[in-house]
Amino acid sequence: MLADAPMKLSQHALDALCQELIDAAEFMGDEQILCVADALHETLRRRKQLRCKIHQRVEERLCSGRGAAFPF
């Protein structure tokens, strides 16, 4: 596993976390719930950007002017 790769929760831990968030949401206002959702969305957006940058760098290094390394 890569050192920078995020740790993955087990399905049991994920289910428990989801239930904990749902339980907490009962005591949160709409704006607070949206804030949590926005934070999670931002995390996904940053990960996607990072993956895209890494993909571009790898492709640039592999291609070196010889065409696309990942033509699909």
N, C-alpha and C. Protein backbone atom coordinates (compact mmCIF):
# COMPACT_ATOMS: atom_id res chain seq x y z
N MET A 1 0.84 -1.18 0.00
CA MET A 1 0.00 0.00 0.00
C MET A 1 0.89 1.24 0.00
N LEU A 2 0.48 2.26 -0.71
CA LEU A 2 1.23 3.51 -0.76
C LEU A 2 1.13 4.24 0.57
N ALA A 3 2.21 4.92 0.92
CA ALA A 3 2.23 5.65 2.18
C ALA A 3 1.19 6.77 2.21
N ASP A 4 0.89 7.37 1.05
CA ASP A 4 -0.05 8.48 0.99
C ASP A 4 -1.49 8.03 0.77
N ALA A 5 -1.69 6.74 0.56
CA ALA A 5 -3.04 6.25 0.32
C ALA A 5 -3.84 6.30 1.61
N PRO A 6 -5.09 6.75 1.53
CA PRO A 6 -5.91 6.82 2.74
C PRO A 6 -6.21 5.42 3.27
N MET A 7 -6.27 5.32 4.58
CA MET A 7 -6.65 4.04 5.18
C MET A 7 -8.12 3.79 4.86
N LYS A 8 -8.48 2.54 4.74
CA LYS A 8 -9.87 2.22 4.45
C LYS A 8 -10.49 1.57 5.68
N LEU A 9 -11.70 1.97 5.97
CA LEU A 9 -12.44 1.39 7.08
C LEU A 9 -13.00 0.04 6.68
N SER A 10 -13.13 -0.82 7.65
CA SER A 10 -13.83 -2.07 7.38
C SER A 10 -15.30 -1.74 7.18
N GLN A 11 -16.05 -2.65 6.59
CA GLN A 11 -17.47 -2.40 6.38
C GLN A 11 -18.17 -2.19 7.71
N HIS A 12 -17.77 -2.95 8.72
CA HIS A 12 -18.38 -2.80 10.05
C HIS A 12 -18.10 -1.41 10.61
N ALA A 13 -16.85 -0.93 10.50
CA ALA A 13 -16.50 0.39 11.01
C ALA A 13 -17.23 1.48 10.23
N LEU A 14 -17.35 1.31 8.91
CA LEU A 14 -18.07 2.28 8.09
C LEU A 14 -19.53 2.34 8.48
N ASP A 15 -20.14 1.18 8.66
CA ASP A 15 -21.55 1.14 9.08
C ASP A 15 -21.74 1.85 10.43
N ALA A 16 -20.81 1.60 11.36
CA ALA A 16 -20.89 2.23 12.68
C ALA A 16 -20.73 3.74 12.57
N LEU A 17 -19.80 4.20 11.74
CA LEU A 17 -19.60 5.63 11.56
C LEU A 17 -20.83 6.29 10.93
N CYS A 18 -21.39 5.64 9.92
CA CYS A 18 -22.60 6.16 9.29
C CYS A 18 -23.73 6.28 10.30
N GLN A 19 -23.90 5.26 11.12
CA GLN A 19 -24.96 5.30 12.12
C GLN A 19 -24.71 6.41 13.14
N GLU A 20 -23.44 6.58 13.51
CA GLU A 20 -23.09 7.64 14.45
C GLU A 20 -23.40 9.02 13.86
N LEU A 21 -23.10 9.21 12.58
CA LEU A 21 -23.42 10.47 11.92
C LEU A 21 -24.93 10.69 11.84
N ILE A 22 -25.66 9.65 11.52
CA ILE A 22 -27.12 9.76 11.43
C ILE A 22 -27.69 10.10 12.80
N ASP A 23 -27.18 9.44 13.84
CA ASP A 23 -27.64 9.74 15.20
C ASP A 23 -27.32 11.18 15.59
N ALA A 24 -26.11 11.64 15.25
CA ALA A 24 -25.71 13.01 15.57
C ALA A 24 -26.56 14.02 14.80
N ALA A 25 -26.93 13.67 13.58
CA ALA A 25 -27.71 14.58 12.74
C ALA A 25 -29.06 14.90 13.37
N GLU A 26 -29.56 14.01 14.22
CA GLU A 26 -30.83 14.26 14.90
C GLU A 26 -30.74 15.51 15.78
N PHE A 27 -29.54 15.86 16.22
CA PHE A 27 -29.34 16.99 17.12
C PHE A 27 -28.71 18.19 16.41
N MET A 28 -28.57 18.10 15.11
CA MET A 28 -27.94 19.15 14.32
C MET A 28 -28.98 19.93 13.54
N GLY A 29 -28.66 21.19 13.29
CA GLY A 29 -29.50 21.99 12.42
C GLY A 29 -29.19 21.66 10.97
N ASP A 30 -30.07 22.11 10.09
CA ASP A 30 -29.88 21.85 8.67
C ASP A 30 -28.54 22.38 8.18
N GLU A 31 -28.18 23.58 8.61
CA GLU A 31 -26.91 24.17 8.17
C GLU A 31 -25.72 23.33 8.64
N GLN A 32 -25.81 22.77 9.83
CA GLN A 32 -24.72 21.94 10.34
C GLN A 32 -24.59 20.65 9.52
N ILE A 33 -25.71 20.06 9.18
CA ILE A 33 -25.69 18.85 8.35
C ILE A 33 -25.09 19.17 6.99
N LEU A 34 -25.49 20.30 6.40
CA LEU A 34 -24.93 20.70 5.11
C LEU A 34 -23.44 20.99 5.21
N CYS A 35 -22.99 21.51 6.34
CA CYS A 35 -21.56 21.78 6.54
C CYS A 35 -20.77 20.48 6.52
N VAL A 36 -21.28 19.45 7.19
CA VAL A 36 -20.62 18.14 7.18
C VAL A 36 -20.59 17.57 5.76
N ALA A 37 -21.72 17.66 5.08
CA ALA A 37 -21.79 17.15 3.70
C ALA A 37 -20.82 17.91 2.79
N ASP A 38 -20.75 19.22 2.95
CA ASP A 38 -19.83 20.03 2.14
C ASP A 38 -18.38 19.64 2.41
N ALA A 39 -18.04 19.39 3.67
CA ALA A 39 -16.67 19.01 4.01
C ALA A 39 -16.30 17.67 3.37
N LEU A 40 -17.22 16.73 3.39
CA LEU A 40 -16.97 15.44 2.75
C LEU A 40 -16.85 15.59 1.24
N HIS A 41 -17.69 16.42 0.66
CA HIS A 41 -17.63 16.66 -0.78
C HIS A 41 -16.30 17.31 -1.16
N GLU A 42 -15.84 18.25 -0.37
CA GLU A 42 -14.57 18.91 -0.63
C GLU A 42 -13.41 17.91 -0.57
N THR A 43 -13.48 16.99 0.38
CA THR A 43 -12.46 15.95 0.48
C THR A 43 -12.41 15.12 -0.80
N LEU A 44 -13.57 14.72 -1.30
CA LEU A 44 -13.63 13.96 -2.55
C LEU A 44 -13.09 14.77 -3.72
N ARG A 45 -13.43 16.05 -3.78
CA ARG A 45 -12.98 16.90 -4.87
C ARG A 45 -11.45 17.02 -4.87
N ARG A 46 -10.86 17.21 -3.69
CA ARG A 46 -9.40 17.31 -3.60
C ARG A 46 -8.73 16.00 -3.99
N ARG A 47 -9.29 14.88 -3.57
CA ARG A 47 -8.72 13.58 -3.95
C ARG A 47 -8.76 13.38 -5.45
N LYS A 48 -9.88 13.76 -6.07
CA LYS A 48 -10.00 13.61 -7.52
C LYS A 48 -8.97 14.48 -8.23
N GLN A 49 -8.78 15.72 -7.77
CA GLN A 49 -7.79 16.60 -8.37
C GLN A 49 -6.39 16.01 -8.24
N LEU A 50 -6.08 15.47 -7.07
CA LEU A 50 -4.76 14.89 -6.84
C LEU A 50 -4.54 13.69 -7.75
N ARG A 51 -5.53 12.83 -7.86
CA ARG A 51 -5.41 11.66 -8.74
C ARG A 51 -5.21 12.08 -10.20
N CYS A 52 -5.91 13.13 -10.61
CA CYS A 52 -5.77 13.62 -11.99
C CYS A 52 -4.35 14.14 -12.21
N LYS A 53 -3.81 14.90 -11.27
CA LYS A 53 -2.45 15.42 -11.40
C LYS A 53 -1.43 14.28 -11.46
N ILE A 54 -1.61 13.29 -10.62
CA ILE A 54 -0.69 12.15 -10.62
C ILE A 54 -0.77 11.42 -11.96
N HIS A 55 -1.98 11.20 -12.46
CA HIS A 55 -2.18 10.52 -13.74
C HIS A 55 -1.48 11.29 -14.86
N GLN A 56 -1.63 12.62 -14.86
CA GLN A 56 -1.00 13.44 -15.90
C GLN A 56 0.52 13.34 -15.83
N ARG A 57 1.08 13.37 -14.62
CA ARG A 57 2.54 13.28 -14.46
C ARG A 57 3.06 11.93 -14.93
N VAL A 58 2.35 10.87 -14.58
CA VAL A 58 2.76 9.54 -14.99
C VAL A 58 2.70 9.43 -16.51
N GLU A 59 1.63 9.92 -17.09
CA GLU A 59 1.49 9.85 -18.54
C GLU A 59 2.59 10.66 -19.24
N GLU A 60 2.90 11.84 -18.71
CA GLU A 60 3.96 12.66 -19.30
C GLU A 60 5.31 11.94 -19.25
N ARG A 61 5.59 11.30 -18.14
CA ARG A 61 6.87 10.59 -18.00
C ARG A 61 6.93 9.36 -18.89
N LEU A 62 5.82 8.65 -19.02
CA LEU A 62 5.81 7.44 -19.84
C LEU A 62 5.82 7.76 -21.33
N CYS A 63 5.15 8.82 -21.70
CA CYS A 63 5.04 9.14 -23.12
C CYS A 63 6.32 9.70 -23.70
N SER A 64 6.87 10.70 -23.09
CA SER A 64 8.09 11.36 -23.58
C SER A 64 8.03 11.62 -25.08
N GLY A 65 6.87 12.10 -25.55
CA GLY A 65 6.73 12.44 -26.95
C GLY A 65 6.43 11.29 -27.88
N ARG A 66 6.14 10.10 -27.36
CA ARG A 66 5.88 8.93 -28.21
C ARG A 66 4.40 8.58 -28.30
N GLY A 67 3.53 9.48 -27.97
CA GLY A 67 2.10 9.19 -28.02
C GLY A 67 1.55 8.93 -26.64
N ALA A 68 0.27 8.77 -26.58
CA ALA A 68 -0.40 8.58 -25.30
C ALA A 68 -0.08 7.23 -24.68
N ALA A 69 0.27 7.24 -23.42
CA ALA A 69 0.53 6.00 -22.71
C ALA A 69 -0.77 5.32 -22.32
N PHE A 70 -1.82 6.13 -22.12
CA PHE A 70 -3.12 5.60 -21.73
C PHE A 70 -4.15 6.09 -22.75
N PRO A 71 -4.21 5.42 -23.91
CA PRO A 71 -5.07 5.92 -24.99
C PRO A 71 -6.55 5.74 -24.73
N PHE A 72 -6.96 5.05 -23.70
CA PHE A 72 -8.38 4.81 -23.46
C PHE A 72 -9.03 5.87 -22.67
